[in-house]
Protein backbone atom coordinates (compact mmCIF):
# COMPACT_ATOMS: atom_id res chain seq x y z
CA UNK A 1 0.18 0.11 0.21
CA UNK A 2 3.05 2.33 0.79
CA UNK A 3 5.11 1.57 -2.18
CA UNK A 4 1.60 2.43 -4.18
CA UNK A 5 1.23 5.85 -2.59
CA UNK A 6 5.32 6.85 -2.87
CA UNK A 7 4.74 6.04 -6.55
CA UNK A 8 1.64 8.60 -7.03
CA UNK A 9 3.39 10.50 -5.58
CA UNK A 10 6.28 10.56 -7.57
CA UNK A 11 3.81 10.86 -10.90
CA UNK A 12 1.57 13.71 -10.36
CA UNK A 13 4.37 15.91 -9.91
CA UNK A 14 2.18 19.71 -9.38
CA UNK A 15 3.13 21.64 -12.04
CA UNK A 16 5.35 24.72 -10.49
CA UNK A 17 7.67 21.45 -10.09
CA UNK A 18 7.76 20.35 -13.40
CA UNK A 19 8.39 23.35 -14.56
CA UNK A 20 12.04 24.26 -11.97
CA UNK A 21 12.34 20.75 -12.79
CA UNK A 22 12.50 22.29 -17.01
CA UNK A 23 15.00 25.36 -16.39
CA UNK A 24 17.05 22.37 -13.59
CA UNK A 25 17.64 20.79 -16.42
CA UNK A 26 18.02 23.06 -18.95
CA UNK A 27 20.38 25.37 -16.83
CA UNK A 28 22.20 23.08 -15.89
CA UNK A 29 23.98 22.21 -19.45
CA UNK A 30 24.94 26.08 -19.05
CA UNK A 31 28.61 25.98 -18.68
CA UNK A 32 30.23 27.28 -15.23
CA UNK A 33 28.96 31.34 -14.75
CA UNK A 34 33.18 31.88 -14.91
CA UNK A 35 33.24 30.07 -18.34
CA UNK A 36 30.24 32.79 -19.44
CA UNK A 37 32.29 35.61 -18.27
CA UNK A 38 35.17 34.75 -19.95
CA UNK A 39 33.62 34.28 -22.82
CA UNK A 40 31.88 37.07 -23.04
CA UNK A 41 34.91 39.10 -21.83
CA UNK A 42 36.37 37.36 -25.73
CA UNK A 43 33.46 39.05 -27.55
CA UNK A 44 32.92 42.02 -25.81
CA UNK A 45 36.54 42.63 -26.92
CA UNK A 46 35.86 41.39 -31.06
CA UNK A 47 33.09 43.31 -30.74
CA UNK A 48 35.02 46.85 -30.23
CA UNK A 49 37.16 46.20 -32.82
CA UNK A 50 35.01 45.72 -35.98
CA UNK A 51 33.87 49.63 -35.83
CA UNK A 52 37.06 50.54 -35.53
CA UNK A 53 37.82 48.92 -38.33
CA UNK A 54 35.01 50.31 -40.31
CA UNK A 55 36.55 53.95 -38.59
CA UNK A 56 32.79 54.42 -37.00
CA UNK A 57 32.43 56.99 -35.27
CA UNK A 58 29.42 58.91 -33.15
CA UNK A 59 28.63 62.78 -33.19
CA UNK A 60 26.45 64.52 -30.42
CA UNK A 61 26.44 67.39 -28.47
CA UNK A 62 27.17 69.09 -24.75
CA UNK A 63 26.76 72.16 -22.92
CA UNK A 64 29.66 74.14 -22.91
CA UNK A 65 29.71 74.67 -18.27
CA UNK A 66 31.45 78.14 -19.63
CA UNK A 67 29.15 79.78 -21.75
CA UNK A 68 26.30 77.12 -21.55
CA UNK A 69 25.86 76.39 -25.22
CA UNK A 70 25.58 73.69 -27.00
CA UNK A 71 28.99 72.08 -29.26
CA UNK A 72 29.26 69.35 -30.88
CA UNK A 73 31.41 66.41 -30.61
CA UNK A 74 32.50 63.59 -32.76
CA UNK A 75 34.45 60.49 -31.40
CA UNK A 76 35.38 57.66 -32.72
CA UNK A 77 35.25 54.41 -32.04
CA UNK A 78 38.61 52.83 -30.33
CA UNK A 79 39.47 48.73 -30.35
CA UNK A 80 40.49 47.23 -26.96
CA UNK A 81 42.38 44.81 -29.12
CA UNK A 82 44.94 48.08 -30.05
CA UNK A 83 47.18 50.05 -27.60
CA UNK A 84 47.46 52.78 -29.01
CA UNK A 85 43.56 52.97 -29.01
CA UNK A 86 43.89 52.20 -25.70
CA UNK A 87 46.07 54.93 -24.78
CA UNK A 88 44.26 57.10 -26.48
CA UNK A 89 40.71 56.53 -24.74
CA UNK A 90 42.25 57.16 -21.29
CA UNK A 91 44.20 60.51 -22.73
CA UNK A 92 40.68 61.07 -24.04
CA UNK A 93 38.68 60.36 -21.18
CA UNK A 94 38.50 63.66 -19.04
CA UNK A 95 36.27 64.38 -22.55
CA UNK A 96 33.66 61.88 -21.93
CA UNK A 97 32.85 62.52 -17.72
CA UNK A 98 32.59 66.09 -19.14
CA UNK A 99 30.35 64.13 -21.93
CA UNK A 100 28.21 62.22 -19.10
CA UNK A 101 28.47 65.15 -16.01
CA UNK A 102 26.42 67.59 -18.35
CA UNK A 103 24.49 65.78 -21.17
CA UNK A 104 22.82 63.59 -19.20
CA UNK A 105 23.00 64.40 -15.66
CA UNK A 106 20.84 62.56 -12.76
CA UNK A 107 19.01 65.92 -12.05
CA UNK A 108 16.95 64.99 -15.37
CA UNK A 109 15.99 61.53 -15.07
CA UNK A 110 12.99 61.95 -12.97
CA UNK A 111 13.08 59.63 -10.10
CA UNK A 112 10.31 57.95 -10.25
CA UNK A 113 11.86 56.10 -13.61
CA UNK A 114 15.01 54.96 -12.22
CA UNK A 115 12.65 53.73 -9.07
CA UNK A 116 11.15 51.60 -11.85
CA UNK A 117 14.24 50.65 -13.64
CA UNK A 118 15.70 48.99 -9.47
CA UNK A 119 12.25 47.36 -9.44
CA UNK A 120 12.11 45.22 -12.20
CA UNK A 121 16.00 44.98 -11.89
CA UNK A 122 16.57 44.25 -8.71
CA UNK A 123 14.68 40.66 -8.36
CA UNK A 124 16.51 39.65 -11.83
CA UNK A 125 20.17 40.29 -10.56
CA UNK A 126 19.92 37.62 -8.15
CA UNK A 127 19.41 34.97 -10.74
CA UNK A 128 21.77 36.07 -13.77
CA UNK A 129 24.48 34.11 -14.47
CA UNK A 130 26.37 37.62 -15.60
CA UNK A 131 26.23 38.28 -11.58
CA UNK A 132 30.03 38.72 -10.20
CA UNK A 133 28.50 36.74 -7.53
CA UNK A 134 27.03 34.54 -9.17
CA UNK A 135 29.59 32.01 -9.21
CA UNK A 136 30.24 32.08 -5.87
CA UNK A 137 26.39 30.77 -5.11
CA UNK A 138 27.04 27.11 -7.65
CA UNK A 139 30.11 26.42 -5.75
CA UNK A 140 28.65 26.63 -2.63
CA UNK A 141 25.67 24.46 -3.72
CA UNK A 142 27.89 22.19 -5.63
CA UNK A 143 29.76 21.77 -1.95
CA UNK A 144 26.55 19.93 -0.21
CA UNK A 145 24.88 18.82 -4.14
CA UNK A 146 28.15 17.46 -6.14
CA UNK A 147 25.37 17.73 -9.33
CA UNK A 148 24.36 21.15 -8.33
CA UNK A 149 24.90 23.91 -11.58
CA UNK A 150 23.66 27.14 -12.60
CA UNK A 151 20.82 25.74 -13.84
CA UNK A 152 20.23 24.74 -9.62
CA UNK A 153 20.61 27.95 -8.71
CA UNK A 154 18.41 29.87 -11.00
CA UNK A 155 15.54 26.43 -9.89
CA UNK A 156 15.76 27.60 -6.21
CA UNK A 157 16.17 31.03 -6.46
CA UNK A 158 13.54 31.23 -8.57
CA UNK A 159 10.79 31.16 -6.43
CA UNK A 160 12.40 33.79 -4.51
CA UNK A 161 12.87 36.64 -7.52
CA UNK A 162 9.26 35.75 -8.10
CA UNK A 163 8.02 36.71 -4.85
CA UNK A 164 10.66 40.21 -4.86
CA UNK A 165 8.77 41.31 -7.35
CA UNK A 166 5.73 41.32 -6.20
CA UNK A 167 6.46 42.96 -3.25
CA UNK A 168 8.28 45.10 -4.36
CA UNK A 169 5.70 46.23 -7.52
CA UNK A 170 3.14 46.83 -4.42
CA UNK A 171 5.70 48.96 -2.76
CA UNK A 172 6.16 50.99 -6.00
CA UNK A 173 2.56 50.94 -6.36
CA UNK A 174 2.24 52.21 -2.68
CA UNK A 175 5.25 55.05 -2.26
CA UNK A 176 3.46 56.59 -5.67
CA UNK A 177 -0.56 56.53 -4.25
CA UNK A 178 1.04 57.38 -0.59
CA UNK A 179 3.30 60.51 -3.08
CA UNK A 180 5.65 59.64 -0.91
CA UNK A 181 9.18 61.48 -1.99
CA UNK A 182 11.73 58.94 -4.18
CA UNK A 183 14.63 61.11 -3.13
CA UNK A 184 16.73 63.38 -1.07
């Protein structure tokens, strides 16, 4: 009698358990997060070289703080593979700081939009393999379960992510309806 009831519970899984098992199986077939990180670095380095080879440039306007007038600035694409290009980008760093400080300053973007972005971005950071600590979490999981991988961690964290999304959205709506200031 007991063996029959155990067999019934094994065959009749909850739909959420089936979904989480599928996520775990697919995720465990993904390479280790460190390998993913190194591959993405290589792709970024190679992708930076393509616009350099095509001699691509971008023109944009910045506000000069001394004259309060708009100036057009043109920037050429640099490559991460060429040493002179990296040296040139270091020399041009002050121009980058200047343009970012005056063309896209923080107060110009509504704080409510930033809060909405953080509500959407924050919970998912705990399960993305691009999280710098994700490899460490996978390593800790493998300490207790040798078969644990990316999929195991994602499947374990997914219910928490769903709850965090729900709670953060409720908090965001309550904050908006109560008219509480969005920042200091």
